Amino acid sequence: MRRTPGAVGTKEPIKMPTGESPEEQLPEYDFDPEKLNLRVRVTLAADRKAVDQVVEQVMEAVREMKCVNGKEDAIELSLQEALANAVVHGAKEDPSKVIECLVACDEQRGILIIVRDPGPGFDPSAIPSCTVGENLYSNHGRGIFLINQLMDEVKFRKNGTEIHMVKR
């Protein structure tokens, strides 16, 4: 596996833990934890320069998984936006802070991507729609809008410090 500066990870299939760790449990989804394989876990320093390389690395693994054939472009753009938001808004571009990305596949249910940041979180419902009025010209809020349009399911957890994205 290629190493990305500021990033570490693995792409070997690993059984998703089913223990009591709240960070690894995904009960709010209809994924079967016994069938969910963690395929990629990547951490990166909160540096914008690391995002493109991590997206490339993760997408290579996504293509190998063949979990959602033909939907890779939507996944790639959503991942790019989620990681950029985590770096810029969650970690305030502080390279001493770490962003985590988990990618798992359930052949019956699709792909699950989780991006975690160390920030204080936010209220996603407080983000104004970028499709109305003066917000059309705003330079904020489009990433979340795109993610919601491109992915089949998007949930924010842990006060907005985690985004869970599902593509079937």
C-alpha atoms as a PDB file:
ATOM      1  CA  MET A   1       0.000   0.000   0.000  1.00  0.00           C
ATOM      2  CA  ARG A   2       1.234   3.496  -0.774  1.00  0.00           C
ATOM      3  CA  ARG A   3       1.920   5.757   2.152  1.00  0.00           C
ATOM      4  CA  THR A   4       0.597   9.290   2.091  1.00  0.00           C
ATOM      5  CA  PRO A   5       2.601  11.976   3.903  1.00  0.00           C
ATOM      6  CA  GLY A   6       0.793  12.510   7.171  1.00  0.00           C
ATOM      7  CA  ALA A   7      -1.398   9.466   6.560  1.00  0.00           C
ATOM      8  CA  VAL A   8      -1.336   5.905   7.795  1.00  0.00           C
ATOM      9  CA  GLY A   9      -3.685   3.126   6.924  1.00  0.00           C
ATOM     10  CA  THR A  10      -4.436  -0.376   5.856  1.00  0.00           C
ATOM     11  CA  LYS A  11      -6.552  -1.842   3.117  1.00  0.00           C
ATOM     12  CA  GLU A  12      -6.444  -5.504   4.013  1.00  0.00           C
ATOM     13  CA  PRO A  13      -9.882  -6.957   4.797  1.00  0.00           C
ATOM     14  CA  ILE A  14     -10.440  -6.996   8.548  1.00  0.00           C
ATOM     15  CA  LYS A  15     -13.570  -8.116  10.360  1.00  0.00           C
ATOM     16  CA  MET A  16     -15.308  -5.096  11.860  1.00  0.00           C
ATOM     17  CA  PRO A  17     -15.168  -5.365  15.652  1.00  0.00           C
ATOM     18  CA  THR A  18     -18.435  -6.235  17.327  1.00  0.00           C
ATOM     19  CA  GLY A  19     -17.331  -5.357  20.871  1.00  0.00           C
ATOM     20  CA  GLU A  20     -18.498  -2.529  23.055  1.00  0.00           C
ATOM     21  CA  SER A  21     -16.419   0.266  21.467  1.00  0.00           C
ATOM     22  CA  PRO A  22     -18.913   3.025  20.603  1.00  0.00           C
ATOM     23  CA  GLU A  23     -16.553   4.299  17.908  1.00  0.00           C
ATOM     24  CA  GLU A  24     -16.787   1.026  16.009  1.00  0.00           C
ATOM     25  CA  GLN A  25     -20.432   0.076  16.640  1.00  0.00           C
ATOM     26  CA  LEU A  26     -22.800   1.050  13.850  1.00  0.00           C
ATOM     27  CA  PRO A  27     -26.206   0.018  15.222  1.00  0.00           C
ATOM     28  CA  GLU A  28     -28.138   2.832  13.579  1.00  0.00           C
ATOM     29  CA  TYR A  29     -27.570   1.294  10.147  1.00  0.00           C
ATOM     30  CA  ASP A  30     -29.027  -1.837   8.678  1.00  0.00           C
ATOM     31  CA  PHE A  31     -25.538  -3.218   8.063  1.00  0.00           C
ATOM     32  CA  ASP A  32     -24.878  -6.618   9.583  1.00  0.00           C
ATOM     33  CA  PRO A  33     -21.759  -6.212  11.796  1.00  0.00           C
ATOM     34  CA  GLU A  34     -20.880  -9.861  11.142  1.00  0.00           C
ATOM     35  CA  LYS A  35     -20.719  -9.219   7.388  1.00  0.00           C
ATOM     36  CA  LEU A  36     -19.227  -5.726   7.509  1.00  0.00           C
ATOM     37  CA  ASN A  37     -15.571  -5.796   6.572  1.00  0.00           C
ATOM     38  CA  LEU A  38     -13.358  -2.874   7.401  1.00  0.00           C
ATOM     39  CA  ARG A  39     -11.382  -2.399   4.241  1.00  0.00           C
ATOM     40  CA  VAL A  40      -9.612   0.899   4.854  1.00  0.00           C
ATOM     41  CA  ARG A  41      -8.680   2.847   7.942  1.00  0.00           C
ATOM     42  CA  VAL A  42      -6.674   5.974   7.224  1.00  0.00           C
ATOM     43  CA  THR A  43      -5.598   8.768   9.501  1.00  0.00           C
ATOM     44  CA  LEU A  44      -4.222  12.027   8.199  1.00  0.00           C
ATOM     45  CA  ALA A  45      -2.831  15.216   9.620  1.00  0.00           C
ATOM     46  CA  ALA A  46      -5.277  18.094   9.308  1.00  0.00           C
ATOM     47  CA  ASP A  47      -3.505  19.536   6.278  1.00  0.00           C
ATOM     48  CA  ARG A  48      -5.339  20.348   3.045  1.00  0.00           C
ATOM     49  CA  LYS A  49      -2.417  18.992   1.048  1.00  0.00           C
ATOM     50  CA  ALA A  50      -2.992  15.495   2.461  1.00  0.00           C
ATOM     51  CA  VAL A  51      -6.658  15.294   1.400  1.00  0.00           C
ATOM     52  CA  ASP A  52      -6.193  14.580  -2.321  1.00  0.00           C
ATOM     53  CA  GLN A  53      -3.655  11.839  -1.684  1.00  0.00           C
ATOM     54  CA  VAL A  54      -5.868  10.174   0.911  1.00  0.00           C
ATOM     55  CA  VAL A  55      -8.896  10.378  -1.391  1.00  0.00           C
ATOM     56  CA  GLU A  56      -6.852   8.711  -4.136  1.00  0.00           C
ATOM     57  CA  GLN A  57      -5.702   5.968  -1.750  1.00  0.00           C
ATOM     58  CA  VAL A  58      -9.206   5.318  -0.414  1.00  0.00           C
ATOM     59  CA  MET A  59     -10.764   5.322  -3.879  1.00  0.00           C
ATOM     60  CA  GLU A  60      -8.233   2.753  -5.052  1.00  0.00           C
ATOM     61  CA  ALA A  61      -9.477   0.470  -2.276  1.00  0.00           C
ATOM     62  CA  VAL A  62     -13.138   1.295  -3.068  1.00  0.00           C
ATOM     63  CA  ARG A  63     -12.608   0.289  -6.693  1.00  0.00           C
ATOM     64  CA  GLU A  64     -10.963  -2.966  -5.571  1.00  0.00           C
ATOM     65  CA  MET A  65     -13.914  -3.735  -3.266  1.00  0.00           C
ATOM     66  CA  LYS A  66     -16.390  -3.674  -6.161  1.00  0.00           C
ATOM     67  CA  CYS A  67     -19.046  -2.998  -3.554  1.00  0.00           C
ATOM     68  CA  VAL A  68     -20.755  -0.194  -5.484  1.00  0.00           C
ATOM     69  CA  ASN A  69     -19.670  -0.537  -9.104  1.00  0.00           C
ATOM     70  CA  GLY A  70     -20.484   2.484 -11.239  1.00  0.00           C
ATOM     71  CA  LYS A  71     -20.959   4.841  -8.297  1.00  0.00           C
ATOM     72  CA  GLU A  72     -17.318   5.647  -7.606  1.00  0.00           C
ATOM     73  CA  ASP A  73     -17.531   9.266  -8.832  1.00  0.00           C
ATOM     74  CA  ALA A  74     -20.267  10.129  -6.330  1.00  0.00           C
ATOM     75  CA  ILE A  75     -18.311   8.441  -3.553  1.00  0.00           C
ATOM     76  CA  GLU A  76     -15.081  10.208  -4.500  1.00  0.00           C
ATOM     77  CA  LEU A  77     -16.617  13.687  -4.512  1.00  0.00           C
ATOM     78  CA  SER A  78     -18.448  13.034  -1.233  1.00  0.00           C
ATOM     79  CA  LEU A  79     -15.272  11.736   0.395  1.00  0.00           C
ATOM     80  CA  GLN A  80     -13.305  14.747  -0.870  1.00  0.00           C
ATOM     81  CA  GLU A  81     -15.868  17.141   0.607  1.00  0.00           C
ATOM     82  CA  ALA A  82     -16.154  15.294   3.924  1.00  0.00           C
ATOM     83  CA  LEU A  83     -12.367  15.177   4.427  1.00  0.00           C
ATOM     84  CA  ALA A  84     -11.961  18.833   3.400  1.00  0.00           C
ATOM     85  CA  ASN A  85     -14.675  19.848   5.877  1.00  0.00           C
ATOM     86  CA  ALA A  86     -13.019  17.808   8.624  1.00  0.00           C
ATOM     87  CA  VAL A  87      -9.624  19.414   7.963  1.00  0.00           C
ATOM     88  CA  VAL A  88     -10.845  22.999   7.534  1.00  0.00           C
ATOM     89  CA  HIS A  89     -13.768  23.215   9.941  1.00  0.00           C
ATOM     90  CA  GLY A  90     -13.237  20.366  12.401  1.00  0.00           C
ATOM     91  CA  ALA A  91      -9.475  20.559  12.912  1.00  0.00           C
ATOM     92  CA  LYS A  92      -9.009  24.203  11.856  1.00  0.00           C
ATOM     93  CA  GLU A  93      -6.153  23.107   9.549  1.00  0.00           C
ATOM     94  CA  ASP A  94      -3.962  22.335  12.556  1.00  0.00           C
ATOM     95  CA  PRO A  95      -1.540  19.641  11.311  1.00  0.00           C
ATOM     96  CA  SER A  96      -1.020  18.415  14.870  1.00  0.00           C
ATOM     97  CA  LYS A  97      -4.650  17.230  14.838  1.00  0.00           C
ATOM     98  CA  VAL A  98      -5.716  13.954  13.239  1.00  0.00           C
ATOM     99  CA  ILE A  99      -8.636  13.123  10.947  1.00  0.00           C
ATOM    100  CA  GLU A 100      -9.767   9.509  10.663  1.00  0.00           C
ATOM    101  CA  CYS A 101     -11.507   7.853   7.720  1.00  0.00           C
ATOM    102  CA  LEU A 102     -13.028   4.362   7.853  1.00  0.00           C
ATOM    103  CA  VAL A 103     -14.395   2.569   4.822  1.00  0.00           C
ATOM    104  CA  ALA A 104     -16.358  -0.648   5.116  1.00  0.00           C
ATOM    105  CA  CYS A 105     -18.310  -2.767   2.697  1.00  0.00           C
ATOM    106  CA  ASP A 106     -21.301  -5.020   3.133  1.00  0.00           C
ATOM    107  CA  GLU A 107     -21.964  -6.700  -0.192  1.00  0.00           C
ATOM    108  CA  GLN A 108     -25.709  -6.684   0.506  1.00  0.00           C
ATOM    109  CA  ARG A 109     -25.991  -3.098   1.770  1.00  0.00           C
ATOM    110  CA  GLY A 110     -23.258  -1.130  -0.007  1.00  0.00           C
ATOM    111  CA  ILE A 111     -20.413   0.981   1.277  1.00  0.00           C
ATOM    112  CA  LEU A 112     -20.156   2.883   4.544  1.00  0.00           C
ATOM    113  CA  ILE A 113     -17.670   5.727   4.942  1.00  0.00           C
ATOM    114  CA  ILE A 114     -17.081   7.439   8.274  1.00  0.00           C
ATOM    115  CA  VAL A 115     -14.976  10.589   8.621  1.00  0.00           C
ATOM    116  CA  ARG A 116     -14.103  11.714  12.168  1.00  0.00           C
ATOM    117  CA  ASP A 117     -12.533  14.973  13.235  1.00  0.00           C
ATOM    118  CA  PRO A 118     -11.314  16.226  16.618  1.00  0.00           C
ATOM    119  CA  GLY A 119     -13.282  19.480  16.520  1.00  0.00           C
ATOM    120  CA  PRO A 120     -16.049  20.692  18.815  1.00  0.00           C
ATOM    121  CA  GLY A 121     -18.715  19.705  16.304  1.00  0.00           C
ATOM    122  CA  PHE A 122     -21.568  21.652  14.761  1.00  0.00           C
ATOM    123  CA  ASP A 123     -25.298  21.519  14.185  1.00  0.00           C
ATOM    124  CA  PRO A 124     -25.866  20.435  10.573  1.00  0.00           C
ATOM    125  CA  SER A 125     -29.424  21.788  10.646  1.00  0.00           C
ATOM    126  CA  ALA A 126     -27.973  25.251  11.243  1.00  0.00           C
ATOM    127  CA  ILE A 127     -26.232  25.247   7.842  1.00  0.00           C
ATOM    128  CA  PRO A 128     -28.399  27.368   5.541  1.00  0.00           C
ATOM    129  CA  SER A 129     -29.448  25.909   2.201  1.00  0.00           C
ATOM    130  CA  CYS A 130     -27.022  26.927  -0.528  1.00  0.00           C
ATOM    131  CA  THR A 131     -29.816  26.804  -3.107  1.00  0.00           C
ATOM    132  CA  VAL A 132     -31.884  29.812  -1.984  1.00  0.00           C
ATOM    133  CA  GLY A 133     -31.557  33.589  -1.884  1.00  0.00           C
ATOM    134  CA  GLU A 134     -28.306  35.193  -0.848  1.00  0.00           C
ATOM    135  CA  ASN A 135     -26.900  31.765   0.038  1.00  0.00           C
ATOM    136  CA  LEU A 136     -26.459  31.085  -3.680  1.00  0.00           C
ATOM    137  CA  TYR A 137     -23.331  33.256  -3.502  1.00  0.00           C
ATOM    138  CA  SER A 138     -22.063  31.980  -0.165  1.00  0.00           C
ATOM    139  CA  ASN A 139     -18.787  30.077  -0.132  1.00  0.00           C
ATOM    140  CA  HIS A 140     -19.967  27.741   2.662  1.00  0.00           C
ATOM    141  CA  GLY A 141     -22.438  24.869   2.829  1.00  0.00           C
ATOM    142  CA  ARG A 142     -22.038  23.454  -0.671  1.00  0.00           C
ATOM    143  CA  GLY A 143     -19.964  20.459   0.462  1.00  0.00           C
ATOM    144  CA  ILE A 144     -22.642  19.163   2.798  1.00  0.00           C
ATOM    145  CA  PHE A 145     -25.282  19.853   0.150  1.00  0.00           C
ATOM    146  CA  LEU A 146     -23.312  17.831  -2.433  1.00  0.00           C
ATOM    147  CA  ILE A 147     -22.743  14.962  -0.022  1.00  0.00           C
ATOM    148  CA  ASN A 148     -26.471  14.814   0.724  1.00  0.00           C
ATOM    149  CA  GLN A 149     -27.284  14.808  -3.001  1.00  0.00           C
ATOM    150  CA  LEU A 150     -24.706  12.170  -3.968  1.00  0.00           C
ATOM    151  CA  MET A 151     -24.934   9.640  -1.126  1.00  0.00           C
ATOM    152  CA  ASP A 152     -27.948   7.474  -0.323  1.00  0.00           C
ATOM    153  CA  GLU A 153     -27.769   8.117   3.398  1.00  0.00           C
ATOM    154  CA  VAL A 154     -25.914  10.779   5.399  1.00  0.00           C
ATOM    155  CA  LYS A 155     -25.927  11.050   9.184  1.00  0.00           C
ATOM    156  CA  PHE A 156     -23.963  13.245  11.522  1.00  0.00           C
ATOM    157  CA  ARG A 157     -22.950  11.734  14.845  1.00  0.00           C
ATOM    158  CA  LYS A 158     -21.111  12.815  17.973  1.00  0.00           C
ATOM    159  CA  ASN A 159     -22.258  16.429  17.809  1.00  0.00           C
ATOM    160  CA  GLY A 160     -21.254  16.721  14.145  1.00  0.00           C
ATOM    161  CA  THR A 161     -17.677  15.476  14.585  1.00  0.00           C
ATOM    162  CA  GLU A 162     -18.502  12.357  12.548  1.00  0.00           C
ATOM    163  CA  ILE A 163     -20.191  12.029   9.215  1.00  0.00           C
ATOM    164  CA  HIS A 164     -21.495   8.602   8.213  1.00  0.00           C
ATOM    165  CA  MET A 165     -22.134   8.234   4.472  1.00  0.00           C
ATOM    166  CA  VAL A 166     -23.759   5.235   2.805  1.00  0.00           C
ATOM    167  CA  LYS A 167     -23.880   4.444  -0.900  1.00  0.00           C
ATOM    168  CA  ARG A 168     -25.809   1.419  -2.149  1.00  0.00           C
END
